[in-house]
Amino acid sequence: MSEKTVRKPKQKEFTSSQGNKYVLQTVPNSKYLEIMDESVVKDNGQPSISILYPKLLEHVVVQPNGLKVDDFDDFSELREVCEAALKFQQS
């Protein structure tokens, strides 16, 4: 019988094209699957960004803490940060 290894979350600093710094942190696979399941639109099976982006900001973007979608003045930066968080989680 092998001992269960405690998985330590990975972190990465991300700097947006506007020069703002963020820290991304992976979540356990079970949490990621939960986030993706909760974000899917039942009608077409595609993720809804209005659900997905807030969840990524809450669970994967850990600094600055407590970011909300409306904290971004520029939608392109919001999209850039959330896409980086998604890519980092999947890597």
Protein backbone atom coordinates (compact mmCIF):
# COMPACT_ATOMS: atom_id res chain seq x y z
CA MET A 1 0.00 0.00 0.00
CA SER A 2 1.50 3.34 -1.01
CA GLU A 3 1.10 6.58 0.87
CA LYS A 4 -1.04 9.23 -0.71
CA THR A 5 1.04 12.18 -1.87
CA VAL A 6 -0.24 15.60 -0.94
CA ARG A 7 -0.40 17.67 -4.10
CA LYS A 8 1.05 21.14 -3.75
CA PRO A 9 -0.53 23.79 -6.00
CA LYS A 10 1.73 25.31 -8.63
CA GLN A 11 1.98 29.07 -8.89
CA LYS A 12 3.02 31.35 -11.70
CA GLU A 13 3.39 35.10 -12.02
CA PHE A 14 1.60 36.53 -15.02
CA THR A 15 2.09 40.05 -16.38
CA SER A 16 -0.63 41.32 -18.69
CA SER A 17 0.14 43.25 -21.87
CA GLN A 18 -0.86 46.36 -19.89
CA GLY A 19 1.88 45.64 -17.35
CA ASN A 20 -0.34 44.52 -14.46
CA LYS A 21 0.94 41.60 -12.38
CA TYR A 22 -1.12 38.63 -11.26
CA VAL A 23 -0.35 35.36 -9.47
CA LEU A 24 -2.06 32.26 -10.81
CA GLN A 25 -2.38 29.08 -8.76
CA THR A 26 -3.61 25.68 -9.86
CA VAL A 27 -6.61 24.11 -8.19
CA PRO A 28 -7.07 20.35 -7.70
CA ASN A 29 -8.40 18.53 -10.75
CA SER A 30 -11.69 17.84 -8.99
CA LYS A 31 -12.22 21.58 -8.39
CA TYR A 32 -11.30 22.39 -12.00
CA LEU A 33 -13.83 19.85 -13.28
CA GLU A 34 -16.45 21.34 -10.97
CA ILE A 35 -15.71 24.85 -12.30
CA MET A 36 -16.00 23.64 -15.89
CA ASP A 37 -19.21 21.70 -15.20
CA GLU A 38 -20.82 24.71 -13.51
CA SER A 39 -19.82 26.95 -16.44
CA VAL A 40 -21.40 24.87 -19.22
CA VAL A 41 -24.60 26.12 -20.83
CA LYS A 42 -27.04 23.23 -20.87
CA ASP A 43 -28.49 24.14 -24.29
CA ASN A 44 -25.28 23.90 -26.30
CA GLY A 45 -22.68 22.32 -24.01
CA GLN A 46 -20.28 25.27 -24.38
CA PRO A 47 -18.75 27.16 -21.42
CA SER A 48 -20.38 30.48 -20.60
CA ILE A 49 -17.72 33.14 -20.07
CA SER A 50 -20.08 35.07 -17.78
CA ILE A 51 -19.91 32.07 -15.43
CA LEU A 52 -16.38 30.84 -16.18
CA TYR A 53 -14.44 34.11 -15.83
CA PRO A 54 -15.67 34.94 -12.30
CA LYS A 55 -14.84 31.39 -11.18
CA LEU A 56 -11.32 31.62 -12.63
CA LEU A 57 -10.79 34.96 -10.88
CA GLU A 58 -12.03 33.48 -7.62
CA HIS A 59 -10.14 30.19 -7.66
CA VAL A 60 -7.12 30.45 -9.99
CA VAL A 61 -6.10 34.14 -9.87
CA VAL A 62 -4.91 34.42 -6.26
CA GLN A 63 -3.20 37.83 -6.38
CA PRO A 64 -4.59 40.36 -6.27
CA ASN A 65 -7.09 38.53 -4.11
CA GLY A 66 -10.81 38.98 -4.58
CA LEU A 67 -10.79 40.22 -8.19
CA LYS A 68 -14.17 40.58 -9.88
CA VAL A 69 -14.86 40.98 -13.59
CA ASP A 70 -15.96 44.59 -13.03
CA ASP A 71 -12.59 45.45 -11.48
CA PHE A 72 -11.11 45.49 -15.00
CA ASP A 73 -11.35 48.77 -16.91
CA ASP A 74 -10.48 47.01 -20.15
CA PHE A 75 -12.29 43.85 -21.27
CA SER A 76 -9.27 42.75 -23.30
CA GLU A 77 -7.20 42.55 -20.11
CA LEU A 78 -9.95 40.58 -18.36
CA ARG A 79 -9.98 38.14 -21.28
CA GLU A 80 -6.16 37.95 -21.34
CA VAL A 81 -5.92 37.19 -17.60
CA CYS A 82 -8.71 34.61 -17.64
CA GLU A 83 -7.34 32.86 -20.72
CA ALA A 84 -3.89 32.75 -19.07
CA ALA A 85 -5.47 31.29 -15.91
CA LEU A 86 -7.30 28.65 -17.94
CA LYS A 87 -4.19 27.74 -19.93
CA PHE A 88 -2.09 27.55 -16.76
CA GLN A 89 -4.63 25.31 -15.04
CA GLN A 90 -4.70 22.97 -18.03
CA SER A 91 -0.90 22.75 -18.35
